[in-house]
Amino acid sequence: VANDLNTADLFAWTLYKNGRLVEAREAGKRAMRLKGADAKIIYHAGMIEKGLGNKTQATKLLSTALKLNPEFDLIQSQKAKAALAELKETR
């Protein structure tokens, strides 16, 4: 189990990319406990929740990430905006 922020976040994102969403959620929670106010980490948590079908939590997390830093990553911030728009359409 990772004890530093970057490793915990990378582990969560790797699990997400491999379809291991429940495990990714737990690893993501650990990363957020280590440092909760990081837009990229919150984005990762939001995408994991979206993958799990938790629309309300995903919307909250993605909105928070974009409010903290609308351009936190050249590519991922655009994906966050698209995911948030998709979530709002399906409500």
PDB file of N, CA and C in Angstrom:
ATOM      1  N   VAL A   1       0.847  -1.182   0.000  1.00  0.00           N
ATOM      2  CA  VAL A   1       0.000   0.000   0.000  1.00  0.00           C
ATOM      3  C   VAL A   1       0.888   1.240   0.000  1.00  0.00           C
ATOM      4  N   ALA A   2       0.571   2.150  -0.854  1.00  0.00           N
ATOM      5  CA  ALA A   2       1.380   3.352  -1.020  1.00  0.00           C
ATOM      6  C   ALA A   2       1.183   4.326   0.136  1.00  0.00           C
ATOM      7  N   ASN A   3       2.285   4.911   0.566  1.00  0.00           N
ATOM      8  CA  ASN A   3       2.217   5.887   1.639  1.00  0.00           C
ATOM      9  C   ASN A   3       2.516   7.300   1.163  1.00  0.00           C
ATOM     10  N   ASP A   4       2.793   7.471  -0.118  1.00  0.00           N
ATOM     11  CA  ASP A   4       3.005   8.823  -0.615  1.00  0.00           C
ATOM     12  C   ASP A   4       1.958   9.154  -1.674  1.00  0.00           C
ATOM     13  N   LEU A   5       1.717  10.410  -1.807  1.00  0.00           N
ATOM     14  CA  LEU A   5       0.647  10.923  -2.659  1.00  0.00           C
ATOM     15  C   LEU A   5       0.740  10.432  -4.105  1.00  0.00           C
ATOM     16  N   ASN A   6       1.873  10.617  -4.740  1.00  0.00           N
ATOM     17  CA  ASN A   6       1.991  10.273  -6.161  1.00  0.00           C
ATOM     18  C   ASN A   6       1.825   8.781  -6.404  1.00  0.00           C
ATOM     19  N   THR A   7       2.384   7.957  -5.536  1.00  0.00           N
ATOM     20  CA  THR A   7       2.257   6.509  -5.710  1.00  0.00           C
ATOM     21  C   THR A   7       0.818   6.066  -5.506  1.00  0.00           C
ATOM     22  N   ALA A   8       0.161   6.614  -4.488  1.00  0.00           N
ATOM     23  CA  ALA A   8      -1.235   6.257  -4.215  1.00  0.00           C
ATOM     24  C   ALA A   8      -2.126   6.645  -5.391  1.00  0.00           C
ATOM     25  N   ASP A   9      -1.914   7.836  -5.930  1.00  0.00           N
ATOM     26  CA  ASP A   9      -2.717   8.294  -7.062  1.00  0.00           C
ATOM     27  C   ASP A   9      -2.428   7.462  -8.313  1.00  0.00           C
ATOM     28  N   LEU A  10      -1.167   7.192  -8.580  1.00  0.00           N
ATOM     29  CA  LEU A  10      -0.801   6.382  -9.738  1.00  0.00           C
ATOM     30  C   LEU A  10      -1.390   4.978  -9.631  1.00  0.00           C
ATOM     31  N   PHE A  11      -1.351   4.409  -8.442  1.00  0.00           N
ATOM     32  CA  PHE A  11      -1.917   3.083  -8.225  1.00  0.00           C
ATOM     33  C   PHE A  11      -3.422   3.093  -8.507  1.00  0.00           C
ATOM     34  N   ALA A  12      -4.120   4.098  -7.987  1.00  0.00           N
ATOM     35  CA  ALA A  12      -5.565   4.210  -8.214  1.00  0.00           C
ATOM     36  C   ALA A  12      -5.873   4.353  -9.701  1.00  0.00           C
ATOM     37  N   TRP A  13      -5.130   5.195 -10.395  1.00  0.00           N
ATOM     38  CA  TRP A  13      -5.383   5.444 -11.818  1.00  0.00           C
ATOM     39  C   TRP A  13      -5.070   4.206 -12.649  1.00  0.00           C
ATOM     40  N   THR A  14      -4.045   3.473 -12.277  1.00  0.00           N
ATOM     41  CA  THR A  14      -3.702   2.232 -12.975  1.00  0.00           C
ATOM     42  C   THR A  14      -4.807   1.194 -12.798  1.00  0.00           C
ATOM     43  N   LEU A  15      -5.312   1.068 -11.587  1.00  0.00           N
ATOM     44  CA  LEU A  15      -6.427   0.153 -11.350  1.00  0.00           C
ATOM     45  C   LEU A  15      -7.632   0.556 -12.189  1.00  0.00           C
ATOM     46  N   TYR A  16      -7.929   1.851 -12.245  1.00  0.00           N
ATOM     47  CA  TYR A  16      -9.045   2.367 -13.046  1.00  0.00           C
ATOM     48  C   TYR A  16      -8.871   1.989 -14.522  1.00  0.00           C
ATOM     49  N   LYS A  17      -7.684   2.234 -15.046  1.00  0.00           N
ATOM     50  CA  LYS A  17      -7.411   1.954 -16.455  1.00  0.00           C
ATOM     51  C   LYS A  17      -7.512   0.460 -16.767  1.00  0.00           C
ATOM     52  N   ASN A  18      -7.344  -0.375 -15.746  1.00  0.00           N
ATOM     53  CA  ASN A  18      -7.434  -1.821 -15.930  1.00  0.00           C
ATOM     54  C   ASN A  18      -8.804  -2.369 -15.552  1.00  0.00           C
ATOM     55  N   GLY A  19      -9.778  -1.486 -15.359  1.00  0.00           N
ATOM     56  CA  GLY A  19     -11.144  -1.909 -15.094  1.00  0.00           C
ATOM     57  C   GLY A  19     -11.399  -2.420 -13.691  1.00  0.00           C
ATOM     58  N   ARG A  20     -10.484  -2.208 -12.795  1.00  0.00           N
ATOM     59  CA  ARG A  20     -10.627  -2.663 -11.414  1.00  0.00           C
ATOM     60  C   ARG A  20     -11.146  -1.489 -10.579  1.00  0.00           C
ATOM     61  N   LEU A  21     -12.395  -1.119 -10.839  1.00  0.00           N
ATOM     62  CA  LEU A  21     -12.950   0.124 -10.329  1.00  0.00           C
ATOM     63  C   LEU A  21     -13.146   0.160  -8.818  1.00  0.00           C
ATOM     64  N   VAL A  22     -13.598  -0.915  -8.232  1.00  0.00           N
ATOM     65  CA  VAL A  22     -13.818  -0.921  -6.780  1.00  0.00           C
ATOM     66  C   VAL A  22     -12.487  -0.742  -6.057  1.00  0.00           C
ATOM     67  N   GLU A  23     -11.471  -1.442  -6.516  1.00  0.00           N
ATOM     68  CA  GLU A  23     -10.140  -1.293  -5.924  1.00  0.00           C
ATOM     69  C   GLU A  23      -9.584   0.107  -6.190  1.00  0.00           C
ATOM     70  N   ALA A  24      -9.861   0.625  -7.376  1.00  0.00           N
ATOM     71  CA  ALA A  24      -9.400   1.967  -7.722  1.00  0.00           C
ATOM     72  C   ALA A  24     -10.016   3.007  -6.796  1.00  0.00           C
ATOM     73  N   ARG A  25     -11.286   2.818  -6.465  1.00  0.00           N
ATOM     74  CA  ARG A  25     -11.959   3.759  -5.566  1.00  0.00           C
ATOM     75  C   ARG A  25     -11.247   3.794  -4.210  1.00  0.00           C
ATOM     76  N   GLU A  26     -10.938   2.640  -3.685  1.00  0.00           N
ATOM     77  CA  GLU A  26     -10.272   2.580  -2.381  1.00  0.00           C
ATOM     78  C   GLU A  26      -8.884   3.218  -2.429  1.00  0.00           C
ATOM     79  N   ALA A  27      -8.142   2.934  -3.482  1.00  0.00           N
ATOM     80  CA  ALA A  27      -6.814   3.530  -3.626  1.00  0.00           C
ATOM     81  C   ALA A  27      -6.922   5.041  -3.823  1.00  0.00           C
ATOM     82  N   GLY A  28      -7.935   5.473  -4.553  1.00  0.00           N
ATOM     83  CA  GLY A  28      -8.161   6.901  -4.765  1.00  0.00           C
ATOM     84  C   GLY A  28      -8.507   7.623  -3.479  1.00  0.00           C
ATOM     85  N   LYS A  29      -9.290   6.981  -2.638  1.00  0.00           N
ATOM     86  CA  LYS A  29      -9.624   7.583  -1.340  1.00  0.00           C
ATOM     87  C   LYS A  29      -8.363   7.783  -0.519  1.00  0.00           C
ATOM     88  N   ARG A  30      -7.453   6.818  -0.588  1.00  0.00           N
ATOM     89  CA  ARG A  30      -6.187   6.944   0.145  1.00  0.00           C
ATOM     90  C   ARG A  30      -5.391   8.137  -0.383  1.00  0.00           C
ATOM     91  N   ALA A  31      -5.334   8.298  -1.690  1.00  0.00           N
ATOM     92  CA  ALA A  31      -4.611   9.429  -2.275  1.00  0.00           C
ATOM     93  C   ALA A  31      -5.238  10.746  -1.848  1.00  0.00           C
ATOM     94  N   MET A  32      -6.550  10.800  -1.807  1.00  0.00           N
ATOM     95  CA  MET A  32      -7.223  12.045  -1.416  1.00  0.00           C
ATOM     96  C   MET A  32      -6.997  12.350   0.064  1.00  0.00           C
ATOM     97  N   ARG A  33      -6.884  11.314   0.892  1.00  0.00           N
ATOM     98  CA  ARG A  33      -6.589  11.553   2.311  1.00  0.00           C
ATOM     99  C   ARG A  33      -5.184  12.129   2.477  1.00  0.00           C
ATOM    100  N   LEU A  34      -4.266  11.697   1.620  1.00  0.00           N
ATOM    101  CA  LEU A  34      -2.895  12.199   1.706  1.00  0.00           C
ATOM    102  C   LEU A  34      -2.812  13.668   1.288  1.00  0.00           C
ATOM    103  N   LYS A  35      -3.617  14.041   0.311  1.00  0.00           N
ATOM    104  CA  LYS A  35      -3.682  15.450  -0.112  1.00  0.00           C
ATOM    105  C   LYS A  35      -4.949  15.636  -0.922  1.00  0.00           C
ATOM    106  N   GLY A  36      -5.979  16.130  -0.292  1.00  0.00           N
ATOM    107  CA  GLY A  36      -7.288  16.191  -0.920  1.00  0.00           C
ATOM    108  C   GLY A  36      -7.522  17.307  -1.910  1.00  0.00           C
ATOM    109  N   ALA A  37      -6.790  18.397  -1.836  1.00  0.00           N
ATOM    110  CA  ALA A  37      -7.098  19.551  -2.666  1.00  0.00           C
ATOM    111  C   ALA A  37      -6.204  19.636  -3.900  1.00  0.00           C
ATOM    112  N   ASP A  38      -6.076  18.548  -4.618  1.00  0.00           N
ATOM    113  CA  ASP A  38      -5.297  18.514  -5.845  1.00  0.00           C
ATOM    114  C   ASP A  38      -6.251  18.168  -6.982  1.00  0.00           C
ATOM    115  N   ALA A  39      -6.353  19.051  -7.954  1.00  0.00           N
ATOM    116  CA  ALA A  39      -7.338  18.891  -9.030  1.00  0.00           C
ATOM    117  C   ALA A  39      -7.177  17.567  -9.777  1.00  0.00           C
ATOM    118  N   LYS A  40      -5.951  17.156 -10.033  1.00  0.00           N
ATOM    119  CA  LYS A  40      -5.734  15.926 -10.797  1.00  0.00           C
ATOM    120  C   LYS A  40      -6.193  14.701 -10.000  1.00  0.00           C
ATOM    121  N   ILE A  41      -5.910  14.673  -8.728  1.00  0.00           N
ATOM    122  CA  ILE A  41      -6.329  13.550  -7.885  1.00  0.00           C
ATOM    123  C   ILE A  41      -7.847  13.516  -7.767  1.00  0.00           C
ATOM    124  N   ILE A  42      -8.460  14.668  -7.608  1.00  0.00           N
ATOM    125  CA  ILE A  42      -9.919  14.736  -7.516  1.00  0.00           C
ATOM    126  C   ILE A  42     -10.547  14.331  -8.845  1.00  0.00           C
ATOM    127  N   TYR A  43      -9.933  14.728  -9.949  1.00  0.00           N
ATOM    128  CA  TYR A  43     -10.393  14.294 -11.278  1.00  0.00           C
ATOM    129  C   TYR A  43     -10.349  12.779 -11.381  1.00  0.00           C
ATOM    130  N   HIS A  44      -9.249  12.188 -10.978  1.00  0.00           N
ATOM    131  CA  HIS A  44      -9.129  10.725 -11.024  1.00  0.00           C
ATOM    132  C   HIS A  44     -10.244  10.082 -10.208  1.00  0.00           C
ATOM    133  N   ALA A  45     -10.481  10.598  -9.011  1.00  0.00           N
ATOM    134  CA  ALA A  45     -11.551  10.047  -8.164  1.00  0.00           C
ATOM    135  C   ALA A  45     -12.907  10.199  -8.851  1.00  0.00           C
ATOM    136  N   GLY A  46     -13.126  11.337  -9.514  1.00  0.00           N
ATOM    137  CA  GLY A  46     -14.384  11.568 -10.219  1.00  0.00           C
ATOM    138  C   GLY A  46     -14.593  10.598 -11.371  1.00  0.00           C
ATOM    139  N   MET A  47     -13.536  10.336 -12.113  1.00  0.00           N
ATOM    140  CA  MET A  47     -13.647   9.400 -13.234  1.00  0.00           C
ATOM    141  C   MET A  47     -13.882   7.971 -12.737  1.00  0.00           C
ATOM    142  N   ILE A  48     -13.282   7.626 -11.609  1.00  0.00           N
ATOM    143  CA  ILE A  48     -13.519   6.309 -11.028  1.00  0.00           C
ATOM    144  C   ILE A  48     -14.985   6.185 -10.627  1.00  0.00           C
ATOM    145  N   GLU A  49     -15.519   7.217  -9.965  1.00  0.00           N
ATOM    146  CA  GLU A  49     -16.936   7.188  -9.566  1.00  0.00           C
ATOM    147  C   GLU A  49     -17.844   7.127 -10.785  1.00  0.00           C
ATOM    148  N   LYS A  50     -17.481   7.842 -11.839  1.00  0.00           N
ATOM    149  CA  LYS A  50     -18.269   7.790 -13.083  1.00  0.00           C
ATOM    150  C   LYS A  50     -18.263   6.362 -13.634  1.00  0.00           C
ATOM    151  N   GLY A  51     -17.097   5.737 -13.628  1.00  0.00           N
ATOM    152  CA  GLY A  51     -16.983   4.368 -14.110  1.00  0.00           C
ATOM    153  C   GLY A  51     -17.819   3.391 -13.301  1.00  0.00           C
ATOM    154  N   LEU A  52     -17.978   3.682 -12.025  1.00  0.00           N
ATOM    155  CA  LEU A  52     -18.792   2.842 -11.147  1.00  0.00           C
ATOM    156  C   LEU A  52     -20.285   3.152 -11.269  1.00  0.00           C
ATOM    157  N   GLY A  53     -20.614   4.201 -12.023  1.00  0.00           N
ATOM    158  CA  GLY A  53     -22.014   4.569 -12.207  1.00  0.00           C
ATOM    159  C   GLY A  53     -22.570   5.475 -11.120  1.00  0.00           C
ATOM    160  N   ASN A  54     -21.699   6.034 -10.300  1.00  0.00           N
ATOM    161  CA  ASN A  54     -22.118   6.935  -9.219  1.00  0.00           C
ATOM    162  C   ASN A  54     -22.136   8.370  -9.739  1.00  0.00           C
ATOM    163  N   LYS A  55     -23.200   8.693 -10.456  1.00  0.00           N
ATOM    164  CA  LYS A  55     -23.276   9.969 -11.166  1.00  0.00           C
ATOM    165  C   LYS A  55     -23.187  11.185 -10.251  1.00  0.00           C
ATOM    166  N   THR A  56     -23.870  11.140  -9.113  1.00  0.00           N
ATOM    167  CA  THR A  56     -23.868  12.295  -8.212  1.00  0.00           C
ATOM    168  C   THR A  56     -22.476  12.567  -7.667  1.00  0.00           C
ATOM    169  N   GLN A  57     -21.816  11.532  -7.191  1.00  0.00           N
ATOM    170  CA  GLN A  57     -20.462  11.692  -6.646  1.00  0.00           C
ATOM    171  C   GLN A  57     -19.474  12.069  -7.738  1.00  0.00           C
ATOM    172  N   ALA A  58     -19.607  11.475  -8.913  1.00  0.00           N
ATOM    173  CA  ALA A  58     -18.719  11.803 -10.030  1.00  0.00           C
ATOM    174  C   ALA A  58     -18.876  13.272 -10.417  1.00  0.00           C
ATOM    175  N   THR A  59     -20.110  13.745 -10.497  1.00  0.00           N
ATOM    176  CA  THR A  59     -20.368  15.144 -10.843  1.00  0.00           C
ATOM    177  C   THR A  59     -19.746  16.075  -9.813  1.00  0.00           C
ATOM    178  N   LYS A  60     -19.921  15.742  -8.557  1.00  0.00           N
ATOM    179  CA  LYS A  60     -19.363  16.567  -7.478  1.00  0.00           C
ATOM    180  C   LYS A  60     -17.839  16.641  -7.577  1.00  0.00           C
ATOM    181  N   LEU A  61     -17.200  15.492  -7.733  1.00  0.00           N
ATOM    182  CA  LEU A  61     -15.742  15.455  -7.779  1.00  0.00           C
ATOM    183  C   LEU A  61     -15.185  16.141  -9.031  1.00  0.00           C
ATOM    184  N   LEU A  62     -15.777  15.884 -10.183  1.00  0.00           N
ATOM    185  CA  LEU A  62     -15.291  16.513 -11.412  1.00  0.00           C
ATOM    186  C   LEU A  62     -15.485  18.027 -11.367  1.00  0.00           C
ATOM    187  N   SER A  63     -16.614  18.470 -10.839  1.00  0.00           N
ATOM    188  CA  SER A  63     -16.858  19.913 -10.693  1.00  0.00           C
ATOM    189  C   SER A  63     -15.827  20.547  -9.772  1.00  0.00           C
ATOM    190  N   THR A  64     -15.539  19.862  -8.671  1.00  0.00           N
ATOM    191  CA  THR A  64     -14.553  20.365  -7.712  1.00  0.00           C
ATOM    192  C   THR A  64     -13.179  20.472  -8.355  1.00  0.00           C
ATOM    193  N   ALA A  65     -12.782  19.444  -9.091  1.00  0.00           N
ATOM    194  CA  ALA A  65     -11.473  19.460  -9.760  1.00  0.00           C
ATOM    195  C   ALA A  65     -11.361  20.652 -10.714  1.00  0.00           C
ATOM    196  N   LEU A  66     -12.410  20.879 -11.490  1.00  0.00           N
ATOM    197  CA  LEU A  66     -12.374  21.971 -12.465  1.00  0.00           C
ATOM    198  C   LEU A  66     -12.456  23.339 -11.799  1.00  0.00           C
ATOM    199  N   LYS A  67     -13.133  23.431 -10.658  1.00  0.00           N
ATOM    200  CA  LYS A  67     -13.169  24.704  -9.925  1.00  0.00           C
ATOM    201  C   LYS A  67     -11.802  25.018  -9.335  1.00  0.00           C
ATOM    202  N   LEU A  68     -11.119  23.988  -8.829  1.00  0.00           N
ATOM    203  CA  LEU A  68      -9.784  24.199  -8.265  1.00  0.00           C
ATOM    204  C   LEU A  68      -8.803  24.680  -9.317  1.00  0.00           C
ATOM    205  N   ASN A  69      -8.869  24.054 -10.499  1.00  0.00           N
ATOM    206  CA  ASN A  69      -7.953  24.408 -11.572  1.00  0.00           C
ATOM    207  C   ASN A  69      -8.536  23.941 -12.903  1.00  0.00           C
ATOM    208  N   PRO A  70      -9.192  24.822 -13.627  1.00  0.00           N
ATOM    209  CA  PRO A  70      -9.854  24.435 -14.879  1.00  0.00           C
ATOM    210  C   PRO A  70      -8.906  23.883 -15.943  1.00  0.00           C
ATOM    211  N   GLU A  71      -7.628  24.138 -15.819  1.00  0.00           N
ATOM    212  CA  GLU A  71      -6.645  23.675 -16.801  1.00  0.00           C
ATOM    213  C   GLU A  71      -5.546  22.875 -16.105  1.00  0.00           C
ATOM    214  N   PHE A  72      -5.929  21.966 -15.187  1.00  0.00           N
ATOM    215  CA  PHE A  72      -4.954  21.216 -14.394  1.00  0.00           C
ATOM    216  C   PHE A  72      -4.059  20.308 -15.234  1.00  0.00           C
ATOM    217  N   ASP A  73      -4.510  19.940 -16.426  1.00  0.00           N
ATOM    218  CA  ASP A  73      -3.737  19.100 -17.337  1.00  0.00           C
ATOM    219  C   ASP A  73      -4.257  19.374 -18.742  1.00  0.00           C
ATOM    220  N   LEU A  74      -3.362  19.498 -19.667  1.00  0.00           N
ATOM    221  CA  LEU A  74      -3.748  19.862 -21.036  1.00  0.00           C
ATOM    222  C   LEU A  74      -4.814  18.940 -21.610  1.00  0.00           C
ATOM    223  N   ILE A  75      -4.661  17.637 -21.425  1.00  0.00           N
ATOM    224  CA  ILE A  75      -5.602  16.661 -21.987  1.00  0.00           C
ATOM    225  C   ILE A  75      -6.688  16.279 -20.987  1.00  0.00           C
ATOM    226  N   GLN A  76      -6.278  15.950 -19.768  1.00  0.00           N
ATOM    227  CA  GLN A  76      -7.233  15.435 -18.787  1.00  0.00           C
ATOM    228  C   GLN A  76      -8.279  16.462 -18.372  1.00  0.00           C
ATOM    229  N   SER A  77      -7.935  17.743 -18.351  1.00  0.00           N
ATOM    230  CA  SER A  77      -8.945  18.743 -17.995  1.00  0.00           C
ATOM    231  C   SER A  77     -10.049  18.801 -19.054  1.00  0.00           C
ATOM    232  N   GLN A  78      -9.689  18.571 -20.316  1.00  0.00           N
ATOM    233  CA  GLN A  78     -10.706  18.529 -21.375  1.00  0.00           C
ATOM    234  C   GLN A  78     -11.595  17.299 -21.223  1.00  0.00           C
ATOM    235  N   LYS A  79     -10.977  16.178 -20.834  1.00  0.00           N
ATOM    236  CA  LYS A  79     -11.752  14.961 -20.587  1.00  0.00           C
ATOM    237  C   LYS A  79     -12.677  15.140 -19.388  1.00  0.00           C
ATOM    238  N   ALA A  80     -12.224  15.865 -18.389  1.00  0.00           N
ATOM    239  CA  ALA A  80     -13.064  16.134 -17.215  1.00  0.00           C
ATOM    240  C   ALA A  80     -14.285  16.960 -17.624  1.00  0.00           C
ATOM    241  N   LYS A  81     -14.065  17.971 -18.441  1.00  0.00           N
ATOM    242  CA  LYS A  81     -15.168  18.814 -18.910  1.00  0.00           C
ATOM    243  C   LYS A  81     -16.165  17.998 -19.734  1.00  0.00           C
ATOM    244  N   ALA A  82     -15.658  17.141 -20.601  1.00  0.00           N
ATOM    245  CA  ALA A  82     -16.535  16.303 -21.422  1.00  0.00           C
ATOM    246  C   ALA A  82     -17.314  15.314 -20.553  1.00  0.00           C
ATOM    247  N   ALA A  83     -16.653  14.716 -19.575  1.00  0.00           N
ATOM    248  CA  ALA A  83     -17.320  13.761 -18.688  1.00  0.00           C
ATOM    249  C   ALA A  83     -18.399  14.455 -17.875  1.00  0.00           C
ATOM    250  N   LEU A  84     -18.112  15.652 -17.402  1.00  0.00           N
ATOM    251  CA  LEU A  84     -19.090  16.414 -16.628  1.00  0.00           C
ATOM    252  C   LEU A  84     -20.294  16.769 -17.492  1.00  0.00           C
ATOM    253  N   ALA A  85     -20.071  17.175 -18.715  1.00  0.00           N
ATOM    254  CA  ALA A  85     -21.172  17.487 -19.633  1.00  0.00           C
ATOM    255  C   ALA A  85     -22.011  16.234 -19.891  1.00  0.00           C
ATOM    256  N   GLU A  86     -21.352  15.102 -20.074  1.00  0.00           N
ATOM    257  CA  GLU A  86     -22.058  13.838 -20.295  1.00  0.00           C
ATOM    258  C   GLU A  86     -22.911  13.457 -19.069  1.00  0.00           C
ATOM    259  N   LEU A  87     -22.349  13.630 -17.902  1.00  0.00           N
ATOM    260  CA  LEU A  87     -23.099  13.323 -16.666  1.00  0.00           C
ATOM    261  C   LEU A  87     -24.320  14.225 -16.523  1.00  0.00           C
ATOM    262  N   LYS A  88     -24.183  15.478 -16.853  1.00  0.00           N
ATOM    263  CA  LYS A  88     -25.301  16.415 -16.733  1.00  0.00           C
ATOM    264  C   LYS A  88     -26.402  16.096 -17.749  1.00  0.00           C
ATOM    265  N   GLU A  89     -26.023  15.570 -18.912  1.00  0.00           N
ATOM    266  CA  GLU A  89     -27.020  15.199 -19.937  1.00  0.00           C
ATOM    267  C   GLU A  89     -27.838  13.973 -19.532  1.00  0.00           C
ATOM    268  N   THR A  90     -27.237  13.095 -18.771  1.00  0.00           N
ATOM    269  CA  THR A  90     -27.898  11.828 -18.418  1.00  0.00           C
ATOM    270  C   THR A  90     -28.649  11.885 -17.098  1.00  0.00           C
ATOM    271  N   ARG A  91     -28.781  13.045 -16.520  1.00  0.00           N
ATOM    272  CA  ARG A  91     -29.492  13.169 -15.242  1.00  0.00           C
ATOM    273  C   ARG A  91     -30.967  13.166 -15.432  1.00  0.00           C
TER     274      ARG A  91
END
